[in-house]
Amino acid sequence: MTATATTGMLRALRADHRQRLMTAAREVSFPQGTRLFEEGGHADRFWLIRTGTVELDLHVPGRRAAVIETLRHNELVGWSWLFTPHVWHLGAEATTPVRAYEFDATAVRAMCDEDAVLGRAVARWVGDVLAHRLHASRTRLLDLYGPYGAGQRA
């Protein structure tokens, strides 16, 4: 199962909720090599990729950053905007030219506070993304730094 199949906004949210969220979005483009955010930075927005790829990476002291996951079309970039203290836990870089919808996190959180049904739907969607990313991160880090075959499950 792909990340898009499990975490895409189109599958996760009703049409009226998607339309409402899109009122807090704007179209943006990033050239290849652009850092969207860094670990520890303020998480005040998030993106849905329209075209291109974004790599999520984790700073590893004394080594090059470990690429945790590559995100593509219709995938969510960033979840830290939803959870206090709204600080990025990973870094993200456009590895190809990227076109995306950028969402104002403050506006989306306000919408979710005003509409409990929307809030639950967004929380479930982002929670599903988070669960998927945590599993992918664990597996990738075991593959990179664990004993041979540590990331494989029997």
N, C-alpha and C. Protein backbone atom coordinates (compact mmCIF):
# COMPACT_ATOMS: atom_id res chain seq x y z
N MET A 1 0.86 -1.18 0.00
CA MET A 1 0.00 0.00 0.00
C MET A 1 0.90 1.23 0.00
N THR A 2 0.58 2.19 -0.82
CA THR A 2 1.39 3.41 -0.90
C THR A 2 0.92 4.42 0.13
N ALA A 3 1.80 5.38 0.41
CA ALA A 3 1.44 6.44 1.35
C ALA A 3 0.26 7.23 0.83
N THR A 4 0.22 7.48 -0.49
CA THR A 4 -0.88 8.25 -1.05
C THR A 4 -2.21 7.55 -0.82
N ALA A 5 -2.22 6.24 -0.95
CA ALA A 5 -3.46 5.49 -0.76
C ALA A 5 -3.95 5.59 0.67
N THR A 6 -3.02 5.71 1.62
CA THR A 6 -3.43 5.72 3.01
C THR A 6 -3.58 7.12 3.60
N THR A 7 -2.96 8.12 2.99
CA THR A 7 -2.93 9.43 3.64
C THR A 7 -3.43 10.57 2.78
N GLY A 8 -3.85 10.33 1.57
CA GLY A 8 -4.25 11.42 0.69
C GLY A 8 -5.49 12.13 1.18
N MET A 9 -5.49 13.46 1.08
CA MET A 9 -6.63 14.26 1.52
C MET A 9 -7.89 13.91 0.76
N LEU A 10 -7.78 13.59 -0.53
CA LEU A 10 -8.96 13.27 -1.32
C LEU A 10 -9.71 12.06 -0.76
N ARG A 11 -8.97 11.09 -0.25
CA ARG A 11 -9.61 9.89 0.31
C ARG A 11 -10.00 10.08 1.77
N ALA A 12 -9.31 10.98 2.45
CA ALA A 12 -9.50 11.12 3.89
C ALA A 12 -10.64 12.05 4.27
N LEU A 13 -10.92 13.06 3.43
CA LEU A 13 -11.89 14.09 3.81
C LEU A 13 -13.06 14.15 2.84
N ARG A 14 -14.21 14.49 3.36
CA ARG A 14 -15.38 14.70 2.52
C ARG A 14 -15.16 15.90 1.62
N ALA A 15 -15.89 15.95 0.52
CA ALA A 15 -15.75 17.03 -0.46
C ALA A 15 -15.97 18.40 0.17
N ASP A 16 -16.98 18.55 1.03
CA ASP A 16 -17.23 19.86 1.64
C ASP A 16 -16.10 20.28 2.56
N HIS A 17 -15.48 19.31 3.24
CA HIS A 17 -14.34 19.62 4.10
C HIS A 17 -13.12 20.02 3.26
N ARG A 18 -12.88 19.32 2.18
CA ARG A 18 -11.78 19.69 1.29
C ARG A 18 -11.98 21.10 0.74
N GLN A 19 -13.20 21.40 0.33
CA GLN A 19 -13.48 22.74 -0.21
C GLN A 19 -13.24 23.81 0.85
N ARG A 20 -13.65 23.53 2.06
CA ARG A 20 -13.46 24.51 3.14
C ARG A 20 -11.97 24.72 3.41
N LEU A 21 -11.21 23.64 3.45
CA LEU A 21 -9.77 23.78 3.68
C LEU A 21 -9.08 24.55 2.56
N MET A 22 -9.55 24.37 1.34
CA MET A 22 -8.91 25.04 0.21
C MET A 22 -9.04 26.57 0.30
N THR A 23 -9.96 27.06 1.11
CA THR A 23 -10.06 28.51 1.28
C THR A 23 -8.86 29.08 2.03
N ALA A 24 -8.11 28.20 2.71
CA ALA A 24 -6.92 28.63 3.45
C ALA A 24 -5.64 28.30 2.69
N ALA A 25 -5.78 27.95 1.40
CA ALA A 25 -4.63 27.52 0.60
C ALA A 25 -4.29 28.54 -0.48
N ARG A 26 -3.04 28.48 -0.91
CA ARG A 26 -2.60 29.23 -2.07
C ARG A 26 -1.63 28.34 -2.84
N GLU A 27 -1.53 28.57 -4.14
CA GLU A 27 -0.61 27.79 -4.96
C GLU A 27 0.79 28.37 -4.83
N VAL A 28 1.77 27.47 -4.66
CA VAL A 28 3.18 27.87 -4.55
C VAL A 28 4.03 26.93 -5.40
N SER A 29 5.23 27.40 -5.71
CA SER A 29 6.22 26.59 -6.43
C SER A 29 7.55 26.70 -5.72
N PHE A 30 8.30 25.60 -5.74
CA PHE A 30 9.64 25.57 -5.15
C PHE A 30 10.61 24.97 -6.16
N PRO A 31 11.74 25.63 -6.40
CA PRO A 31 12.75 25.02 -7.26
C PRO A 31 13.41 23.84 -6.55
N GLN A 32 13.99 22.96 -7.33
CA GLN A 32 14.74 21.84 -6.77
C GLN A 32 15.79 22.38 -5.80
N GLY A 33 15.94 21.71 -4.66
CA GLY A 33 16.93 22.11 -3.67
C GLY A 33 16.41 23.06 -2.60
N THR A 34 15.20 23.55 -2.74
CA THR A 34 14.62 24.45 -1.73
C THR A 34 14.30 23.69 -0.46
N ARG A 35 14.73 24.25 0.68
CA ARG A 35 14.36 23.68 1.98
C ARG A 35 13.01 24.28 2.36
N LEU A 36 12.00 23.43 2.54
CA LEU A 36 10.68 23.90 2.94
C LEU A 36 10.67 24.25 4.42
N PHE A 37 11.37 23.44 5.21
CA PHE A 37 11.50 23.72 6.64
C PHE A 37 12.64 22.91 7.21
N GLU A 38 13.08 23.33 8.41
CA GLU A 38 14.17 22.69 9.13
C GLU A 38 13.67 22.21 10.49
N GLU A 39 14.29 21.16 10.99
CA GLU A 39 13.97 20.68 12.33
C GLU A 39 14.07 21.83 13.32
N GLY A 40 13.10 21.94 14.20
CA GLY A 40 13.12 22.96 15.23
C GLY A 40 12.48 24.28 14.84
N GLY A 41 12.19 24.47 13.54
CA GLY A 41 11.57 25.70 13.08
C GLY A 41 10.08 25.75 13.43
N HIS A 42 9.51 26.93 13.36
CA HIS A 42 8.09 27.13 13.67
C HIS A 42 7.21 26.55 12.55
N ALA A 43 6.30 25.67 12.91
CA ALA A 43 5.41 25.00 11.95
C ALA A 43 4.14 25.83 11.79
N ASP A 44 4.16 26.75 10.83
CA ASP A 44 3.02 27.65 10.66
C ASP A 44 2.28 27.44 9.34
N ARG A 45 2.64 26.39 8.63
CA ARG A 45 1.98 26.07 7.36
C ARG A 45 2.19 24.60 7.04
N PHE A 46 1.48 24.13 6.03
CA PHE A 46 1.69 22.79 5.52
C PHE A 46 1.34 22.80 4.04
N TRP A 47 1.70 21.72 3.34
CA TRP A 47 1.54 21.69 1.89
C TRP A 47 0.93 20.38 1.44
N LEU A 48 0.23 20.44 0.32
CA LEU A 48 -0.19 19.26 -0.43
C LEU A 48 0.52 19.34 -1.77
N ILE A 49 1.27 18.30 -2.08
CA ILE A 49 2.05 18.31 -3.31
C ILE A 49 1.13 18.10 -4.51
N ARG A 50 1.28 18.97 -5.50
CA ARG A 50 0.57 18.81 -6.78
C ARG A 50 1.46 18.08 -7.77
N THR A 51 2.72 18.53 -7.90
CA THR A 51 3.70 17.86 -8.75
C THR A 51 5.06 17.95 -8.08
N GLY A 52 5.92 16.99 -8.38
CA GLY A 52 7.27 16.99 -7.85
C GLY A 52 7.43 16.08 -6.66
N THR A 53 8.63 16.13 -6.07
CA THR A 53 8.94 15.28 -4.92
C THR A 53 9.61 16.09 -3.82
N VAL A 54 9.32 15.71 -2.58
CA VAL A 54 9.90 16.32 -1.39
C VAL A 54 10.43 15.20 -0.52
N GLU A 55 11.67 15.34 -0.06
CA GLU A 55 12.23 14.37 0.87
C GLU A 55 12.15 14.89 2.29
N LEU A 56 11.73 14.02 3.19
CA LEU A 56 11.77 14.31 4.62
C LEU A 56 13.08 13.77 5.15
N ASP A 57 13.78 14.56 5.94
CA ASP A 57 15.07 14.10 6.45
C ASP A 57 15.21 14.41 7.93
N LEU A 58 16.11 13.67 8.54
CA LEU A 58 16.36 13.77 9.97
C LEU A 58 17.84 14.05 10.19
N HIS A 59 18.14 15.10 10.95
CA HIS A 59 19.53 15.43 11.27
C HIS A 59 20.13 14.31 12.10
N VAL A 60 21.30 13.84 11.69
CA VAL A 60 22.04 12.81 12.43
C VAL A 60 23.41 13.40 12.73
N PRO A 61 23.72 13.66 14.01
CA PRO A 61 25.00 14.27 14.36
C PRO A 61 26.19 13.49 13.79
N GLY A 62 27.10 14.21 13.15
CA GLY A 62 28.29 13.58 12.61
C GLY A 62 28.10 12.87 11.28
N ARG A 63 26.89 12.91 10.75
CA ARG A 63 26.60 12.24 9.47
C ARG A 63 25.74 13.14 8.61
N ARG A 64 25.60 12.75 7.37
CA ARG A 64 24.67 13.46 6.49
C ARG A 64 23.25 13.17 6.96
N ALA A 65 22.34 14.10 6.75
CA ALA A 65 20.94 13.90 7.16
C ALA A 65 20.41 12.60 6.55
N ALA A 66 19.64 11.86 7.33
CA ALA A 66 19.04 10.60 6.87
C ALA A 66 17.71 10.91 6.20
N VAL A 67 17.56 10.48 4.96
CA VAL A 67 16.28 10.63 4.26
C VAL A 67 15.33 9.58 4.80
N ILE A 68 14.21 10.06 5.34
CA ILE A 68 13.23 9.18 5.97
C ILE A 68 12.18 8.71 4.97
N GLU A 69 11.72 9.64 4.13
CA GLU A 69 10.66 9.29 3.19
C GLU A 69 10.64 10.30 2.05
N THR A 70 10.21 9.84 0.89
CA THR A 70 10.03 10.71 -0.27
C THR A 70 8.54 10.85 -0.52
N LEU A 71 8.07 12.09 -0.59
CA LEU A 71 6.65 12.37 -0.77
C LEU A 71 6.41 12.84 -2.20
N ARG A 72 5.21 12.50 -2.72
CA ARG A 72 4.87 12.82 -4.11
C ARG A 72 3.44 13.37 -4.19
N HIS A 73 2.90 13.34 -5.38
CA HIS A 73 1.57 13.87 -5.72
C HIS A 73 0.51 13.52 -4.66
N ASN A 74 -0.24 14.55 -4.25
CA ASN A 74 -1.35 14.44 -3.30
C ASN A 74 -0.96 14.12 -1.87
N GLU A 75 0.34 14.13 -1.56
CA GLU A 75 0.75 13.80 -0.19
C GLU A 75 0.93 15.07 0.63
N LEU A 76 0.68 14.91 1.92
CA LEU A 76 0.81 15.98 2.90
C LEU A 76 2.27 16.16 3.28
N VAL A 77 2.74 17.40 3.22
CA VAL A 77 4.08 17.74 3.71
C VAL A 77 3.87 18.56 4.97
N GLY A 78 4.24 17.97 6.09
CA GLY A 78 4.15 18.66 7.38
C GLY A 78 2.90 18.29 8.16
N TRP A 79 3.11 17.87 9.40
CA TRP A 79 2.00 17.60 10.31
C TRP A 79 2.18 18.34 11.64
N SER A 80 3.36 18.86 11.89
CA SER A 80 3.65 19.48 13.19
C SER A 80 2.82 20.74 13.45
N TRP A 81 2.25 21.33 12.41
CA TRP A 81 1.42 22.52 12.54
C TRP A 81 0.16 22.26 13.38
N LEU A 82 -0.25 21.00 13.46
CA LEU A 82 -1.49 20.68 14.17
C LEU A 82 -1.28 20.46 15.66
N PHE A 83 -0.08 20.12 16.05
CA PHE A 83 0.18 19.71 17.43
C PHE A 83 1.11 20.70 18.14
N THR A 84 0.69 21.12 19.33
CA THR A 84 1.51 22.00 20.16
C THR A 84 2.82 21.28 20.47
N PRO A 85 3.94 21.93 20.36
CA PRO A 85 4.20 23.36 20.29
C PRO A 85 4.37 23.91 18.87
N HIS A 86 3.89 23.23 17.86
CA HIS A 86 3.96 23.68 16.46
C HIS A 86 5.40 23.91 16.01
N VAL A 87 6.23 22.88 16.20
CA VAL A 87 7.64 22.91 15.82
C VAL A 87 7.92 21.71 14.92
N TRP A 88 8.66 21.94 13.84
CA TRP A 88 8.98 20.85 12.91
C TRP A 88 9.87 19.82 13.59
N HIS A 89 9.57 18.55 13.36
CA HIS A 89 10.34 17.45 13.94
C HIS A 89 11.32 16.85 12.94
N LEU A 90 11.17 17.20 11.68
CA LEU A 90 12.07 16.76 10.61
C LEU A 90 12.39 17.97 9.74
N GLY A 91 13.21 17.76 8.75
CA GLY A 91 13.43 18.76 7.72
C GLY A 91 12.78 18.28 6.43
N ALA A 92 12.62 19.18 5.46
CA ALA A 92 12.03 18.81 4.17
C ALA A 92 12.68 19.60 3.06
N GLU A 93 12.97 18.92 1.95
CA GLU A 93 13.62 19.56 0.81
C GLU A 93 12.96 19.11 -0.49
N ALA A 94 12.76 20.05 -1.39
CA ALA A 94 12.26 19.73 -2.73
C ALA A 94 13.39 19.09 -3.52
N THR A 95 13.21 17.85 -3.95
CA THR A 95 14.27 17.16 -4.69
C THR A 95 14.05 17.25 -6.19
N THR A 96 12.92 17.78 -6.58
CA THR A 96 12.62 18.14 -7.97
C THR A 96 11.87 19.47 -7.86
N PRO A 97 11.63 20.14 -8.97
CA PRO A 97 10.74 21.30 -8.88
C PRO A 97 9.37 20.84 -8.34
N VAL A 98 8.81 21.62 -7.43
CA VAL A 98 7.56 21.24 -6.76
C VAL A 98 6.52 22.33 -6.96
N ARG A 99 5.31 21.91 -7.27
CA ARG A 99 4.14 22.79 -7.21
C ARG A 99 3.25 22.20 -6.13
N ALA A 100 2.71 23.07 -5.29
CA ALA A 100 1.94 22.58 -4.15
C ALA A 100 0.88 23.61 -3.76
N TYR A 101 -0.06 23.14 -2.96
CA TYR A 101 -0.96 24.03 -2.26
C TYR A 101 -0.37 24.24 -0.89
N GLU A 102 -0.20 25.49 -0.50
CA GLU A 102 0.32 25.84 0.81
C GLU A 102 -0.84 26.33 1.66
N PHE A 103 -0.98 25.78 2.86
CA PHE A 103 -2.08 26.11 3.76
C PHE A 103 -1.58 26.90 4.95
N ASP A 104 -2.33 27.89 5.34
CA ASP A 104 -2.07 28.67 6.54
C ASP A 104 -2.55 27.86 7.73
N ALA A 105 -1.62 27.39 8.53
CA ALA A 105 -1.95 26.50 9.64
C ALA A 105 -2.85 27.16 10.68
N THR A 106 -2.62 28.44 10.95
CA THR A 106 -3.45 29.14 11.94
C THR A 106 -4.90 29.18 11.47
N ALA A 107 -5.11 29.48 10.20
CA ALA A 107 -6.48 29.53 9.66
C ALA A 107 -7.13 28.15 9.69
N VAL A 108 -6.38 27.11 9.37
CA VAL A 108 -6.95 25.76 9.38
C VAL A 108 -7.28 25.33 10.80
N ARG A 109 -6.39 25.62 11.74
CA ARG A 109 -6.70 25.27 13.14
C ARG A 109 -7.95 26.01 13.61
N ALA A 110 -8.13 27.27 13.22
CA ALA A 110 -9.34 28.03 13.60
C ALA A 110 -10.59 27.38 12.99
N MET A 111 -10.51 26.96 11.73
CA MET A 111 -11.64 26.26 11.11
C MET A 111 -12.00 25.00 11.88
N CYS A 112 -10.97 24.26 12.27
CA CYS A 112 -11.19 23.01 13.01
C CYS A 112 -11.79 23.28 14.38
N ASP A 113 -11.40 24.38 15.02
CA ASP A 113 -11.98 24.74 16.31
C ASP A 113 -13.45 25.14 16.18
N GLU A 114 -13.80 25.79 15.07
CA GLU A 114 -15.18 26.25 14.83
C GLU A 114 -16.12 25.13 14.43
N ASP A 115 -15.59 24.10 13.78
CA ASP A 115 -16.41 23.00 13.24
C ASP A 115 -15.83 21.69 13.74
N ALA A 116 -16.45 21.12 14.77
CA ALA A 116 -15.93 19.91 15.41
C ALA A 116 -15.85 18.72 14.45
N VAL A 117 -16.79 18.61 13.53
CA VAL A 117 -16.77 17.50 12.57
C VAL A 117 -15.56 17.63 11.65
N LEU A 118 -15.34 18.83 11.15
CA LEU A 118 -14.16 19.09 10.33
C LEU A 118 -12.89 18.85 11.15
N GLY A 119 -12.87 19.34 12.37
CA GLY A 119 -11.71 19.16 13.23
C GLY A 119 -11.35 17.70 13.45
N ARG A 120 -12.37 16.86 13.71
CA ARG A 120 -12.12 15.43 13.89
C ARG A 120 -11.60 14.80 12.60
N ALA A 121 -12.17 15.19 11.47
CA ALA A 121 -11.74 14.63 10.19
C ALA A 121 -10.29 15.01 9.88
N VAL A 122 -9.94 16.26 10.11
CA VAL A 122 -8.56 16.71 9.87
C VAL A 122 -7.61 16.01 10.84
N ALA A 123 -8.00 15.91 12.11
CA ALA A 123 -7.15 15.25 13.10
C ALA A 123 -6.94 13.78 12.73
N ARG A 124 -7.98 13.11 12.27
CA ARG A 124 -7.86 11.70 11.86
C ARG A 124 -6.93 11.59 10.65
N TRP A 125 -7.13 12.47 9.65
CA TRP A 125 -6.30 12.45 8.45
C TRP A 125 -4.83 12.66 8.82
N VAL A 126 -4.54 13.72 9.58
CA VAL A 126 -3.16 14.01 9.95
C VAL A 126 -2.61 12.91 10.86
N GLY A 127 -3.43 12.38 11.75
CA GLY A 127 -3.00 11.27 12.60
C GLY A 127 -2.63 10.04 11.79
N ASP A 128 -3.40 9.74 10.75
CA ASP A 128 -3.06 8.62 9.87
C ASP A 128 -1.73 8.86 9.16
N VAL A 129 -1.52 10.10 8.70
CA VAL A 129 -0.24 10.46 8.08
C VAL A 129 0.88 10.26 9.08
N LEU A 130 0.70 10.77 10.28
CA LEU A 130 1.71 10.66 11.33
C LEU A 130 2.05 9.21 11.63
N ALA A 131 1.04 8.37 11.79
CA ALA A 131 1.28 6.95 12.07
C ALA A 131 2.08 6.30 10.95
N HIS A 132 1.71 6.61 9.72
CA HIS A 132 2.44 6.06 8.57
C HIS A 132 3.89 6.54 8.58
N ARG A 133 4.10 7.83 8.83
CA ARG A 133 5.45 8.39 8.81
C ARG A 133 6.32 7.84 9.94
N LEU A 134 5.74 7.64 11.10
CA LEU A 134 6.51 7.07 12.21
C LEU A 134 6.96 5.66 11.88
N HIS A 135 6.09 4.87 11.29
CA HIS A 135 6.45 3.51 10.88
C HIS A 135 7.55 3.56 9.82
N ALA A 136 7.38 4.43 8.82
CA ALA A 136 8.37 4.55 7.75
C ALA A 136 9.71 5.01 8.32
N SER A 137 9.69 5.95 9.26
CA SER A 137 10.93 6.46 9.87
C SER A 137 11.65 5.35 10.62
N ARG A 138 10.91 4.61 11.38
CA ARG A 138 11.51 3.51 12.14
C ARG A 138 12.18 2.51 11.21
N THR A 139 11.45 2.10 10.19
CA THR A 139 11.98 1.13 9.25
C THR A 139 13.22 1.66 8.54
N ARG A 140 13.15 2.92 8.08
CA ARG A 140 14.27 3.51 7.35
C ARG A 140 15.49 3.65 8.25
N LEU A 141 15.31 4.10 9.48
CA LEU A 141 16.46 4.25 10.38
C LEU A 141 17.07 2.90 10.75
N LEU A 142 16.26 1.87 10.92
CA LEU A 142 16.81 0.54 11.17
C LEU A 142 17.59 0.05 9.96
N ASP A 143 17.06 0.32 8.76
CA ASP A 143 17.78 -0.08 7.55
C ASP A 143 19.12 0.64 7.45
N LEU A 144 19.16 1.93 7.81
CA LEU A 144 20.38 2.72 7.70
C LEU A 144 21.39 2.43 8.80
N TYR A 145 20.92 2.27 10.04
CA TYR A 145 21.83 2.27 11.17
C TYR A 145 21.78 1.02 12.05
N GLY A 146 20.82 0.15 11.83
CA GLY A 146 20.70 -1.04 12.65
C GLY A 146 21.55 -2.18 12.10
N PRO A 147 21.55 -3.30 12.81
CA PRO A 147 22.25 -4.48 12.30
C PRO A 147 21.62 -4.91 10.97
N TYR A 148 22.36 -5.63 10.17
CA TYR A 148 21.90 -6.06 8.87
C TYR A 148 20.52 -6.72 8.98
N GLY A 149 19.56 -6.23 8.18
CA GLY A 149 18.23 -6.81 8.16
C GLY A 149 17.34 -6.38 9.30
N ALA A 150 17.79 -5.42 10.13
CA ALA A 150 17.01 -5.02 11.30
C ALA A 150 15.66 -4.43 10.94
N GLY A 151 15.55 -3.82 9.77
CA GLY A 151 14.29 -3.20 9.36
C GLY A 151 13.30 -4.17 8.78
N GLN A 152 13.71 -5.39 8.56
CA GLN A 152 12.82 -6.40 7.98
C GLN A 152 11.98 -7.04 9.08
N ARG A 153 10.74 -7.31 8.75
CA ARG A 153 9.88 -8.01 9.70
C ARG A 153 9.66 -9.43 9.20
N ALA A 154 9.64 -10.35 10.13
CA ALA A 154 9.43 -11.76 9.78
C ALA A 154 7.96 -12.05 9.58
